Every structure is written in structure tokens, then in C-alpha cells.
């Protein structure tokens, strides 16, 4: 994973922290992303917490139309996993919405 791909998934303040942490450790941001994902794969509690936080952020952002900055985890590793999970939730919702559209609506989207 390239550095720009690894860091663009986070909100700007978290991205800056993440890039600083990578530089401090002397690794590419993509390496830190992989470490976070490996931890989520091995640590069920970590993964469950990240998934719950992603659901909270999704609800705040899309259902309640509120600012979600206060919901982001302090942990950079957890923030990475939350963002990836949030992307998956958003993609799933988008696909479901497309399946429910009438042909006229789909034509307008294209």
C-alpha cells in the first residue's frame, strides 16, 4: 500500500498524527496500516470495538447528520480499522440503495 493510499482513509487530524507516527518509527504509513489490520485479525475485542465505533460514526454522519469528530478513537491503529470498516459499511449501503432504485433513477445516476 502506497503512503498516500494508506493515509487518505483517515480524517485530516488523524492522518497527520498517523504520518508523524510512521516517520517517528521510520516506516511507511502503509506498514502501520498492515499492523493495525493484523491486530484486528488477531484481537477479537479490538476488532469488535472498532466495528462498534464505525457503526456509531456511520449513524452520526449519515442518519443523524451530525459531526462525528468526537467519536473517532484516540488510538491511531483503531482509527485505521474504523475507517476501513466505515468504508465497507458505506459501500454496502450504497449497493443496497442501488438495488432498490427504479430504472429511471438508475438512468439518472449513470
PDB file of N, CA and C in Angstrom:
ATOM      1  N   UNK A   1       0.845  -1.170   0.000  1.00  0.00           N
ATOM      2  CA  UNK A   1       0.000   0.000   0.000  1.00  0.00           C
ATOM      3  C   UNK A   1       0.893   1.237   0.000  1.00  0.00           C
ATOM      4  N   UNK A   2       0.618   2.147  -0.935  1.00  0.00           N
ATOM      5  CA  UNK A   2       1.403   3.372  -1.005  1.00  0.00           C
ATOM      6  C   UNK A   2       1.025   4.290   0.159  1.00  0.00           C
ATOM      7  N   UNK A   3       1.944   5.205   0.501  1.00  0.00           N
ATOM      8  CA  UNK A   3       1.717   6.113   1.625  1.00  0.00           C
ATOM      9  C   UNK A   3       0.462   6.945   1.437  1.00  0.00           C
ATOM     10  N   UNK A   4       0.234   7.446   0.218  1.00  0.00           N
ATOM     11  CA  UNK A   4      -0.947   8.287   0.012  1.00  0.00           C
ATOM     12  C   UNK A   4      -2.234   7.478   0.117  1.00  0.00           C
ATOM     13  N   UNK A   5      -2.216   6.211  -0.271  1.00  0.00           N
ATOM     14  CA  UNK A   5      -3.395   5.359  -0.118  1.00  0.00           C
ATOM     15  C   UNK A   5      -3.642   5.038   1.343  1.00  0.00           C
ATOM     16  N   UNK A   6      -2.573   4.840   2.094  1.00  0.00           N
ATOM     17  CA  UNK A   6      -2.710   4.463   3.498  1.00  0.00           C
ATOM     18  C   UNK A   6      -3.239   5.611   4.340  1.00  0.00           C
ATOM     19  N   UNK A   7      -2.855   6.815   4.027  1.00  0.00           N
ATOM     20  CA  UNK A   7      -3.218   7.937   4.888  1.00  0.00           C
ATOM     21  C   UNK A   7      -4.470   8.673   4.445  1.00  0.00           C
ATOM     22  N   UNK A   8      -4.894   8.521   3.201  1.00  0.00           N
ATOM     23  CA  UNK A   8      -6.064   9.264   2.740  1.00  0.00           C
ATOM     24  C   UNK A   8      -7.353   8.723   3.337  1.00  0.00           C
ATOM     25  N   UNK A   9      -7.295   7.556   3.968  1.00  0.00           N
ATOM     26  CA  UNK A   9      -8.509   6.970   4.519  1.00  0.00           C
ATOM     27  C   UNK A   9      -8.906   7.582   5.853  1.00  0.00           C
ATOM     28  N   UNK A  10      -8.038   8.361   6.450  1.00  0.00           N
ATOM     29  CA  UNK A  10      -8.311   8.936   7.765  1.00  0.00           C
ATOM     30  C   UNK A  10      -8.722  10.403   7.679  1.00  0.00           C
ATOM     31  N   UNK A  11      -9.489  10.880   8.670  1.00  0.00           N
ATOM     32  CA  UNK A  11      -9.751  12.314   8.745  1.00  0.00           C
ATOM     33  C   UNK A  11      -8.420  13.060   8.892  1.00  0.00           C
ATOM     34  N   UNK A  12      -8.357  14.266   8.391  1.00  0.00           N
ATOM     35  CA  UNK A  12      -7.088  15.021   8.348  1.00  0.00           C
ATOM     36  C   UNK A  12      -6.311  15.048   9.677  1.00  0.00           C
ATOM     37  N   UNK A  13      -6.929  15.369  10.814  1.00  0.00           N
ATOM     38  CA  UNK A  13      -6.134  15.394  12.058  1.00  0.00           C
ATOM     39  C   UNK A  13      -5.518  14.039  12.383  1.00  0.00           C
ATOM     40  N   UNK A  14      -6.283  12.975  12.173  1.00  0.00           N
ATOM     41  CA  UNK A  14      -5.760  11.631  12.425  1.00  0.00           C
ATOM     42  C   UNK A  14      -4.674  11.277  11.411  1.00  0.00           C
ATOM     43  N   UNK A  15      -4.868  11.705  10.164  1.00  0.00           N
ATOM     44  CA  UNK A  15      -3.881  11.418   9.129  1.00  0.00           C
ATOM     45  C   UNK A  15      -2.545  12.054   9.474  1.00  0.00           C
ATOM     46  N   UNK A  16      -2.569  13.296   9.953  1.00  0.00           N
ATOM     47  CA  UNK A  16      -1.323  13.974  10.317  1.00  0.00           C
ATOM     48  C   UNK A  16      -0.630  13.259  11.483  1.00  0.00           C
ATOM     49  N   UNK A  17      -1.421  12.821  12.469  1.00  0.00           N
ATOM     50  CA  UNK A  17      -0.854  12.057  13.587  1.00  0.00           C
ATOM     51  C   UNK A  17      -0.250  10.751  13.085  1.00  0.00           C
ATOM     52  N   UNK A  18      -0.966  10.114  12.203  1.00  0.00           N
ATOM     53  CA  UNK A  18      -0.533   8.824  11.666  1.00  0.00           C
ATOM     54  C   UNK A  18       0.772   8.963  10.893  1.00  0.00           C
ATOM     55  N   UNK A  19       0.851   9.983  10.052  1.00  0.00           N
ATOM     56  CA  UNK A  19       2.074  10.215   9.275  1.00  0.00           C
ATOM     57  C   UNK A  19       3.248  10.533  10.190  1.00  0.00           C
ATOM     58  N   UNK A  20       3.000  11.302  11.254  1.00  0.00           N
ATOM     59  CA  UNK A  20       4.062  11.629  12.212  1.00  0.00           C
ATOM     60  C   UNK A  20       4.531  10.368  12.932  1.00  0.00           C
ATOM     61  N   UNK A  21       3.591   9.502  13.295  1.00  0.00           N
ATOM     62  CA  UNK A  21       3.950   8.255  13.964  1.00  0.00           C
ATOM     63  C   UNK A  21       4.776   7.356  13.039  1.00  0.00           C
ATOM     64  N   UNK A  22       4.387   7.285  11.780  1.00  0.00           N
ATOM     65  CA  UNK A  22       5.141   6.473  10.820  1.00  0.00           C
ATOM     66  C   UNK A  22       6.560   7.016  10.664  1.00  0.00           C
ATOM     67  N   UNK A  23       6.684   8.333  10.539  1.00  0.00           N
ATOM     68  CA  UNK A  23       8.005   8.944  10.392  1.00  0.00           C
ATOM     69  C   UNK A  23       8.865   8.687  11.628  1.00  0.00           C
ATOM     70  N   UNK A  24       8.256   8.810  12.796  1.00  0.00           N
ATOM     71  CA  UNK A  24       8.979   8.582  14.050  1.00  0.00           C
ATOM     72  C   UNK A  24       9.505   7.153  14.127  1.00  0.00           C
ATOM     73  N   UNK A  25       8.722   6.208  13.629  1.00  0.00           N
ATOM     74  CA  UNK A  25       9.132   4.804  13.660  1.00  0.00           C
ATOM     75  C   UNK A  25       9.997   4.419  12.471  1.00  0.00           C
ATOM     76  N   UNK A  26      10.126   5.325  11.499  1.00  0.00           N
ATOM     77  CA  UNK A  26      10.953   5.049  10.333  1.00  0.00           C
ATOM     78  C   UNK A  26      10.345   4.051   9.371  1.00  0.00           C
ATOM     79  N   UNK A  27       9.004   4.038   9.275  1.00  0.00           N
ATOM     80  CA  UNK A  27       8.314   3.126   8.368  1.00  0.00           C
ATOM     81  C   UNK A  27       7.334   3.914   7.505  1.00  0.00           C
ATOM     82  N   UNK A  28       6.886   3.278   6.449  1.00  0.00           N
ATOM     83  CA  UNK A  28       5.870   3.880   5.590  1.00  0.00           C
ATOM     84  C   UNK A  28       4.505   3.764   6.274  1.00  0.00           C
ATOM     85  N   UNK A  29       3.611   4.714   6.040  1.00  0.00           N
ATOM     86  CA  UNK A  29       2.268   4.618   6.629  1.00  0.00           C
ATOM     87  C   UNK A  29       1.569   3.308   6.298  1.00  0.00           C
ATOM     88  N   UNK A  30       1.804   2.779   5.110  1.00  0.00           N
ATOM     89  CA  UNK A  30       1.187   1.510   4.736  1.00  0.00           C
ATOM     90  C   UNK A  30       1.563   0.371   5.666  1.00  0.00           C
ATOM     91  N   UNK A  31       2.774   0.409   6.189  1.00  0.00           N
ATOM     92  CA  UNK A  31       3.214  -0.615   7.144  1.00  0.00           C
ATOM     93  C   UNK A  31       2.396  -0.526   8.429  1.00  0.00           C
ATOM     94  N   UNK A  32       2.113   0.681   8.879  1.00  0.00           N
ATOM     95  CA  UNK A  32       1.293   0.844  10.082  1.00  0.00           C
ATOM     96  C   UNK A  32      -0.142   0.389   9.834  1.00  0.00           C
ATOM     97  N   UNK A  33      -0.644   0.613   8.629  1.00  0.00           N
ATOM     98  CA  UNK A  33      -1.992   0.130   8.285  1.00  0.00           C
ATOM     99  C   UNK A  33      -2.024  -1.382   8.372  1.00  0.00           C
ATOM    100  N   UNK A  34      -1.025  -2.042   7.817  1.00  0.00           N
ATOM    101  CA  UNK A  34      -0.980  -3.502   7.844  1.00  0.00           C
ATOM    102  C   UNK A  34      -0.884  -4.024   9.286  1.00  0.00           C
ATOM    103  N   UNK A  35      -0.120  -3.347  10.112  1.00  0.00           N
ATOM    104  CA  UNK A  35      -0.017  -3.759  11.517  1.00  0.00           C
ATOM    105  C   UNK A  35      -1.372  -3.637  12.220  1.00  0.00           C
ATOM    106  N   UNK A  36      -2.082  -2.559  11.937  1.00  0.00           N
ATOM    107  CA  UNK A  36      -3.399  -2.365  12.555  1.00  0.00           C
ATOM    108  C   UNK A  36      -4.369  -3.458  12.114  1.00  0.00           C
ATOM    109  N   UNK A  37      -4.333  -3.792  10.828  1.00  0.00           N
ATOM    110  CA  UNK A  37      -5.225  -4.838  10.325  1.00  0.00           C
ATOM    111  C   UNK A  37      -4.865  -6.207  10.905  1.00  0.00           C
ATOM    112  N   UNK A  38      -3.576  -6.472  11.051  1.00  0.00           N
ATOM    113  CA  UNK A  38      -3.155  -7.738  11.654  1.00  0.00           C
ATOM    114  C   UNK A  38      -3.623  -7.827  13.100  1.00  0.00           C
ATOM    115  N   UNK A  39      -3.545  -6.705  13.815  1.00  0.00           N
ATOM    116  CA  UNK A  39      -4.018  -6.708  15.206  1.00  0.00           C
ATOM    117  C   UNK A  39      -5.519  -6.978  15.243  1.00  0.00           C
ATOM    118  N   UNK A  40      -6.277  -6.355  14.356  1.00  0.00           N
ATOM    119  CA  UNK A  40      -7.721  -6.576  14.328  1.00  0.00           C
ATOM    120  C   UNK A  40      -8.044  -8.034  14.015  1.00  0.00           C
ATOM    121  N   UNK A  41      -7.231  -8.649  13.171  1.00  0.00           N
ATOM    122  CA  UNK A  41      -7.461 -10.053  12.818  1.00  0.00           C
ATOM    123  C   UNK A  41      -7.172 -10.981  14.001  1.00  0.00           C
ATOM    124  N   UNK A  42      -6.241 -10.606  14.859  1.00  0.00           N
ATOM    125  CA  UNK A  42      -5.845 -11.461  15.978  1.00  0.00           C
ATOM    126  C   UNK A  42      -6.590 -11.148  17.274  1.00  0.00           C
ATOM    127  N   UNK A  43      -7.012  -9.907  17.446  1.00  0.00           N
ATOM    128  CA  UNK A  43      -7.584  -9.446  18.721  1.00  0.00           C
ATOM    129  C   UNK A  43      -9.071  -9.163  18.535  1.00  0.00           C
ATOM    130  N   UNK A  44      -9.904 -10.108  18.934  1.00  0.00           N
ATOM    131  CA  UNK A  44     -11.355 -10.003  18.721  1.00  0.00           C
ATOM    132  C   UNK A  44     -11.953  -8.780  19.428  1.00  0.00           C
ATOM    133  N   UNK A  45     -11.508  -8.498  20.639  1.00  0.00           N
ATOM    134  CA  UNK A  45     -12.035  -7.343  21.381  1.00  0.00           C
ATOM    135  C   UNK A  45     -11.703  -6.040  20.659  1.00  0.00           C
ATOM    136  N   UNK A  46     -10.487  -5.938  20.142  1.00  0.00           N
ATOM    137  CA  UNK A  46     -10.063  -4.759  19.384  1.00  0.00           C
ATOM    138  C   UNK A  46     -10.947  -4.597  18.150  1.00  0.00           C
ATOM    139  N   UNK A  47     -11.156  -5.684  17.426  1.00  0.00           N
ATOM    140  CA  UNK A  47     -11.966  -5.642  16.207  1.00  0.00           C
ATOM    141  C   UNK A  47     -13.423  -5.301  16.518  1.00  0.00           C
ATOM    142  N   UNK A  48     -13.979  -5.898  17.573  1.00  0.00           N
ATOM    143  CA  UNK A  48     -15.361  -5.624  17.951  1.00  0.00           C
ATOM    144  C   UNK A  48     -15.544  -4.157  18.337  1.00  0.00           C
ATOM    145  N   UNK A  49     -14.594  -3.629  19.083  1.00  0.00           N
ATOM    146  CA  UNK A  49     -14.651  -2.223  19.487  1.00  0.00           C
ATOM    147  C   UNK A  49     -14.580  -1.313  18.262  1.00  0.00           C
ATOM    148  N   UNK A  50     -13.701  -1.628  17.330  1.00  0.00           N
ATOM    149  CA  UNK A  50     -13.567  -0.829  16.105  1.00  0.00           C
ATOM    150  C   UNK A  50     -14.854  -0.887  15.287  1.00  0.00           C
ATOM    151  N   UNK A  51     -15.464  -2.062  15.204  1.00  0.00           N
ATOM    152  CA  UNK A  51     -16.704  -2.195  14.441  1.00  0.00           C
ATOM    153  C   UNK A  51     -17.830  -1.391  15.086  1.00  0.00           C
ATOM    154  N   UNK A  52     -17.933  -1.451  16.399  1.00  0.00           N
ATOM    155  CA  UNK A  52     -18.955  -0.667  17.107  1.00  0.00           C
ATOM    156  C   UNK A  52     -18.757   0.825  16.874  1.00  0.00           C
ATOM    157  N   UNK A  53     -17.507   1.253  16.896  1.00  0.00           N
ATOM    158  CA  UNK A  53     -17.220   2.678  16.680  1.00  0.00           C
ATOM    159  C   UNK A  53     -17.558   3.081  15.255  1.00  0.00           C
ATOM    160  N   UNK A  54     -17.271   2.226  14.291  1.00  0.00           N
ATOM    161  CA  UNK A  54     -17.617   2.513  12.896  1.00  0.00           C
ATOM    162  C   UNK A  54     -19.128   2.661  12.741  1.00  0.00           C
ATOM    163  N   UNK A  55     -19.879   1.810  13.407  1.00  0.00           N
ATOM    164  CA  UNK A  55     -21.343   1.915  13.355  1.00  0.00           C
ATOM    165  C   UNK A  55     -21.824   3.226  13.976  1.00  0.00           C
ATOM    166  N   UNK A  56     -21.222   3.638  15.087  1.00  0.00           N
ATOM    167  CA  UNK A  56     -21.589   4.905  15.727  1.00  0.00           C
ATOM    168  C   UNK A  56     -21.307   6.080  14.800  1.00  0.00           C
ATOM    169  N   UNK A  57     -20.152   6.062  14.168  1.00  0.00           N
ATOM    170  CA  UNK A  57     -19.773   7.155  13.267  1.00  0.00           C
ATOM    171  C   UNK A  57     -20.716   7.188  12.077  1.00  0.00           C
ATOM    172  N   UNK A  58     -21.023   6.025  11.528  1.00  0.00           N
ATOM    173  CA  UNK A  58     -21.950   5.973  10.400  1.00  0.00           C
ATOM    174  C   UNK A  58     -23.302   6.568  10.792  1.00  0.00           C
ATOM    175  N   UNK A  59     -23.822   6.157  11.942  1.00  0.00           N
ATOM    176  CA  UNK A  59     -25.122   6.668  12.399  1.00  0.00           C
ATOM    177  C   UNK A  59     -25.077   8.181  12.596  1.00  0.00           C
ATOM    178  N   UNK A  60     -24.011   8.667  13.202  1.00  0.00           N
ATOM    179  CA  UNK A  60     -23.887  10.106  13.441  1.00  0.00           C
ATOM    180  C   UNK A  60     -23.797  10.883  12.140  1.00  0.00           C
ATOM    181  N   UNK A  61     -23.008  10.377  11.226  1.00  0.00           N
ATOM    182  CA  UNK A  61     -22.742  11.085   9.972  1.00  0.00           C
ATOM    183  C   UNK A  61     -23.922  11.030   9.012  1.00  0.00           C
ATOM    184  N   UNK A  62     -24.492   9.879   8.814  1.00  0.00           N
ATOM    185  CA  UNK A  62     -25.473   9.700   7.744  1.00  0.00           C
ATOM    186  C   UNK A  62     -26.919   9.653   8.203  1.00  0.00           C
ATOM    187  N   UNK A  63     -27.156   9.193   9.408  1.00  0.00           N
ATOM    188  CA  UNK A  63     -28.537   9.092   9.868  1.00  0.00           C
ATOM    189  C   UNK A  63     -28.955  10.318  10.672  1.00  0.00           C
ATOM    190  N   UNK A  64     -28.044  10.834  11.480  1.00  0.00           N
ATOM    191  CA  UNK A  64     -28.351  11.984  12.323  1.00  0.00           C
ATOM    192  C   UNK A  64     -27.803  13.291  11.746  1.00  0.00           C
ATOM    193  N   UNK A  65     -26.970  13.193  10.717  1.00  0.00           N
ATOM    194  CA  UNK A  65     -26.360  14.350  10.051  1.00  0.00           C
ATOM    195  C   UNK A  65     -25.645  15.267  11.050  1.00  0.00           C
ATOM    196  N   UNK A  66     -24.837  14.658  11.903  1.00  0.00           N
ATOM    197  CA  UNK A  66     -24.074  15.402  12.904  1.00  0.00           C
ATOM    198  C   UNK A  66     -22.584  15.213  12.676  1.00  0.00           C
ATOM    199  N   UNK A  67     -21.825  16.098  13.283  1.00  0.00           N
ATOM    200  CA  UNK A  67     -20.367  15.995  13.233  1.00  0.00           C
ATOM    201  C   UNK A  67     -19.943  14.749  14.005  1.00  0.00           C
ATOM    202  N   UNK A  68     -19.011  14.005  13.454  1.00  0.00           N
ATOM    203  CA  UNK A  68     -18.587  12.755  14.088  1.00  0.00           C
ATOM    204  C   UNK A  68     -17.165  12.796  14.634  1.00  0.00           C
ATOM    205  N   UNK A  69     -16.516  13.941  14.623  1.00  0.00           N
ATOM    206  CA  UNK A  69     -15.111  14.001  15.042  1.00  0.00           C
ATOM    207  C   UNK A  69     -14.902  13.478  16.460  1.00  0.00           C
ATOM    208  N   UNK A  70     -15.833  13.765  17.347  1.00  0.00           N
ATOM    209  CA  UNK A  70     -15.676  13.347  18.740  1.00  0.00           C
ATOM    210  C   UNK A  70     -15.793  11.833  18.922  1.00  0.00           C
ATOM    211  N   UNK A  71     -16.291  11.152  17.924  1.00  0.00           N
ATOM    212  CA  UNK A  71     -16.473   9.701  18.017  1.00  0.00           C
ATOM    213  C   UNK A  71     -15.238   8.904  17.595  1.00  0.00           C
ATOM    214  N   UNK A  72     -14.313   9.546  16.908  1.00  0.00           N
ATOM    215  CA  UNK A  72     -13.144   8.810  16.419  1.00  0.00           C
ATOM    216  C   UNK A  72     -12.268   8.375  17.582  1.00  0.00           C
ATOM    217  N   UNK A  73     -11.769   7.140  17.541  1.00  0.00           N
ATOM    218  CA  UNK A  73     -10.921   6.639  18.633  1.00  0.00           C
ATOM    219  C   UNK A  73      -9.621   7.427  18.739  1.00  0.00           C
ATOM    220  N   UNK A  74      -9.086   7.481  19.933  1.00  0.00           N
ATOM    221  CA  UNK A  74      -7.788   8.139  20.126  1.00  0.00           C
ATOM    222  C   UNK A  74      -6.664   7.300  19.537  1.00  0.00           C
ATOM    223  N   UNK A  75      -6.826   6.000  19.596  1.00  0.00           N
ATOM    224  CA  UNK A  75      -5.816   5.083  19.071  1.00  0.00           C
ATOM    225  C   UNK A  75      -5.756   5.202  17.543  1.00  0.00           C
ATOM    226  N   UNK A  76      -4.558   5.428  17.030  1.00  0.00           N
ATOM    227  CA  UNK A  76      -4.398   5.522  15.581  1.00  0.00           C
ATOM    228  C   UNK A  76      -4.657   4.180  14.916  1.00  0.00           C
ATOM    229  N   UNK A  77      -4.219   3.096  15.536  1.00  0.00           N
ATOM    230  CA  UNK A  77      -4.477   1.774  14.967  1.00  0.00           C
ATOM    231  C   UNK A  77      -5.970   1.525  14.847  1.00  0.00           C
ATOM    232  N   UNK A  78      -6.700   1.842  15.901  1.00  0.00           N
ATOM    233  CA  UNK A  78      -8.138   1.626  15.878  1.00  0.00           C
ATOM    234  C   UNK A  78      -8.796   2.558  14.858  1.00  0.00           C
ATOM    235  N   UNK A  79      -8.289   3.775  14.707  1.00  0.00           N
ATOM    236  CA  UNK A  79      -8.837   4.709  13.721  1.00  0.00           C
ATOM    237  C   UNK A  79      -8.721   4.154  12.306  1.00  0.00           C
ATOM    238  N   UNK A  80      -7.602   3.521  12.019  1.00  0.00           N
ATOM    239  CA  UNK A  80      -7.398   2.923  10.693  1.00  0.00           C
ATOM    240  C   UNK A  80      -8.433   1.828  10.450  1.00  0.00           C
ATOM    241  N   UNK A  81      -8.594   0.949  11.421  1.00  0.00           N
ATOM    242  CA  UNK A  81      -9.544  -0.147  11.273  1.00  0.00           C
ATOM    243  C   UNK A  81     -10.966   0.394  11.189  1.00  0.00           C
ATOM    244  N   UNK A  82     -11.287   1.402  11.996  1.00  0.00           N
ATOM    245  CA  UNK A  82     -12.616   2.023  11.939  1.00  0.00           C
ATOM    246  C   UNK A  82     -12.884   2.591  10.552  1.00  0.00           C
ATOM    247  N   UNK A  83     -11.909   3.273   9.973  1.00  0.00           N
ATOM    248  CA  UNK A  83     -12.110   3.875   8.643  1.00  0.00           C
ATOM    249  C   UNK A  83     -12.345   2.800   7.596  1.00  0.00           C
ATOM    250  N   UNK A  84     -11.605   1.730   7.655  1.00  0.00           N
ATOM    251  CA  UNK A  84     -11.783   0.644   6.694  1.00  0.00           C
ATOM    252  C   UNK A  84     -13.170   0.016   6.855  1.00  0.00           C
ATOM    253  N   UNK A  85     -13.581  -0.203   8.095  1.00  0.00           N
ATOM    254  CA  UNK A  85     -14.915  -0.752   8.340  1.00  0.00           C
ATOM    255  C   UNK A  85     -16.004   0.222   7.896  1.00  0.00           C
ATOM    256  N   UNK A  86     -15.789   1.505   8.141  1.00  0.00           N
ATOM    257  CA  UNK A  86     -16.754   2.517   7.716  1.00  0.00           C
ATOM    258  C   UNK A  86     -16.888   2.528   6.194  1.00  0.00           C
ATOM    259  N   UNK A  87     -15.773   2.372   5.503  1.00  0.00           N
ATOM    260  CA  UNK A  87     -15.834   2.278   4.031  1.00  0.00           C
ATOM    261  C   UNK A  87     -16.672   1.081   3.601  1.00  0.00           C
ATOM    262  N   UNK A  88     -16.503  -0.042   4.278  1.00  0.00           N
ATOM    263  CA  UNK A  88     -17.263  -1.246   3.939  1.00  0.00           C
ATOM    264  C   UNK A  88     -18.754  -1.034   4.195  1.00  0.00           C
ATOM    265  N   UNK A  89     -19.094  -0.391   5.313  1.00  0.00           N
ATOM    266  CA  UNK A  89     -20.492  -0.108   5.618  1.00  0.00           C
ATOM    267  C   UNK A  89     -21.085   0.811   4.559  1.00  0.00           C
ATOM    268  N   UNK A  90     -20.353   1.868   4.217  1.00  0.00           N
ATOM    269  CA  UNK A  90     -20.832   2.819   3.212  1.00  0.00           C
ATOM    270  C   UNK A  90     -21.030   2.138   1.863  1.00  0.00           C
ATOM    271  N   UNK A  91     -20.107   1.263   1.499  1.00  0.00           N
ATOM    272  CA  UNK A  91     -20.214   0.549   0.224  1.00  0.00           C
ATOM    273  C   UNK A  91     -21.435  -0.365   0.215  1.00  0.00           C
ATOM    274  N   UNK A  92     -21.648  -1.070   1.319  1.00  0.00           N
ATOM    275  CA  UNK A  92     -22.797  -1.970   1.416  1.00  0.00           C
ATOM    276  C   UNK A  92     -24.112  -1.189   1.317  1.00  0.00           C
ATOM    277  N   UNK A  93     -24.197  -0.080   2.023  1.00  0.00           N
ATOM    278  CA  UNK A  93     -25.413   0.748   1.984  1.00  0.00           C
ATOM    279  C   UNK A  93     -25.629   1.279   0.575  1.00  0.00           C
ATOM    280  N   UNK A  94     -24.564   1.722  -0.083  1.00  0.00           N
ATOM    281  CA  UNK A  94     -24.672   2.223  -1.454  1.00  0.00           C
ATOM    282  C   UNK A  94     -25.172   1.165  -2.410  1.00  0.00           C
ATOM    283  N   UNK A  95     -24.664  -0.053  -2.264  1.00  0.00           N
ATOM    284  CA  UNK A  95     -25.118  -1.143  -3.125  1.00  0.00           C
ATOM    285  C   UNK A  95     -26.590  -1.461  -2.883  1.00  0.00           C
ATOM    286  N   UNK A  96     -26.992  -1.462  -1.620  1.00  0.00           N
ATOM    287  CA  UNK A  96     -28.399  -1.732  -1.297  1.00  0.00           C
ATOM    288  C   UNK A  96     -29.314  -0.656  -1.876  1.00  0.00           C
ATOM    289  N   UNK A  97     -28.866   0.606  -1.800  1.00  0.00           N
ATOM    290  CA  UNK A  97     -29.668   1.693  -2.349  1.00  0.00           C
ATOM    291  C   UNK A  97     -29.790   1.576  -3.865  1.00  0.00           C
ATOM    292  N   UNK A  98     -28.708   1.175  -4.530  1.00  0.00           N
ATOM    293  CA  UNK A  98     -28.763   0.994  -5.981  1.00  0.00           C
ATOM    294  C   UNK A  98     -29.740  -0.120  -6.363  1.00  0.00           C
ATOM    295  N   UNK A  99     -29.744  -1.190  -5.584  1.00  0.00           N
ATOM    296  CA  UNK A  99     -30.646  -2.309  -5.877  1.00  0.00           C
ATOM    297  C   UNK A  99     -32.118  -1.913  -5.711  1.00  0.00           C
ATOM    298  N   UNK A 100     -32.380  -0.942  -4.855  1.00  0.00           N
ATOM    299  CA  UNK A 100     -33.748  -0.515  -4.601  1.00  0.00           C
ATOM    300  C   UNK A 100     -34.233   0.571  -5.576  1.00  0.00           C
ATOM    301  N   UNK A 101     -33.354   1.103  -6.403  1.00  0.00           N
ATOM    302  CA  UNK A 101     -33.728   2.187  -7.317  1.00  0.00           C
ATOM    303  C   UNK A 101     -34.551   1.677  -8.497  1.00  0.00           C
ATOM    304  N   UNK A 102     -35.452   2.534  -8.930  1.00  0.00           N
ATOM    305  CA  UNK A 102     -36.206   2.248 -10.154  1.00  0.00           C
ATOM    306  C   UNK A 102     -35.299   2.527 -11.349  1.00  0.00           C
ATOM    307  N   UNK A 103     -35.665   1.995 -12.509  1.00  0.00           N
ATOM    308  CA  UNK A 103     -34.857   2.141 -13.712  1.00  0.00           C
ATOM    309  C   UNK A 103     -34.629   3.613 -14.062  1.00  0.00           C
ATOM    310  N   UNK A 104     -35.635   4.446 -13.887  1.00  0.00           N
ATOM    311  CA  UNK A 104     -35.494   5.876 -14.214  1.00  0.00           C
ATOM    312  C   UNK A 104     -34.424   6.527 -13.320  1.00  0.00           C
ATOM    313  N   UNK A 105     -34.412   6.132 -12.044  1.00  0.00           N
ATOM    314  CA  UNK A 105     -33.416   6.673 -11.115  1.00  0.00           C
ATOM    315  C   UNK A 105     -32.024   6.186 -11.491  1.00  0.00           C
ATOM    316  N   UNK A 106     -31.911   4.907 -11.879  1.00  0.00           N
ATOM    317  CA  UNK A 106     -30.618   4.374 -12.281  1.00  0.00           C
ATOM    318  C   UNK A 106     -30.104   5.078 -13.526  1.00  0.00           C
ATOM    319  N   UNK A 107     -30.995   5.369 -14.466  1.00  0.00           N
ATOM    320  CA  UNK A 107     -30.596   6.091 -15.674  1.00  0.00           C
ATOM    321  C   UNK A 107     -30.041   7.470 -15.330  1.00  0.00           C
ATOM    322  N   UNK A 108     -30.649   8.111 -14.332  1.00  0.00           N
ATOM    323  CA  UNK A 108     -30.183   9.448 -13.915  1.00  0.00           C
ATOM    324  C   UNK A 108     -28.806   9.368 -13.253  1.00  0.00           C
ATOM    325  N   UNK A 109     -28.535   8.276 -12.520  1.00  0.00           N
ATOM    326  CA  UNK A 109     -27.234   8.103 -11.869  1.00  0.00           C
ATOM    327  C   UNK A 109     -26.137   7.910 -12.890  1.00  0.00           C
ATOM    328  N   UNK A 110     -26.436   7.129 -13.939  1.00  0.00           N
ATOM    329  CA  UNK A 110     -25.442   6.870 -14.973  1.00  0.00           C
ATOM    330  C   UNK A 110     -25.172   8.128 -15.739  1.00  0.00           C
TER     331      UNK A 110
END
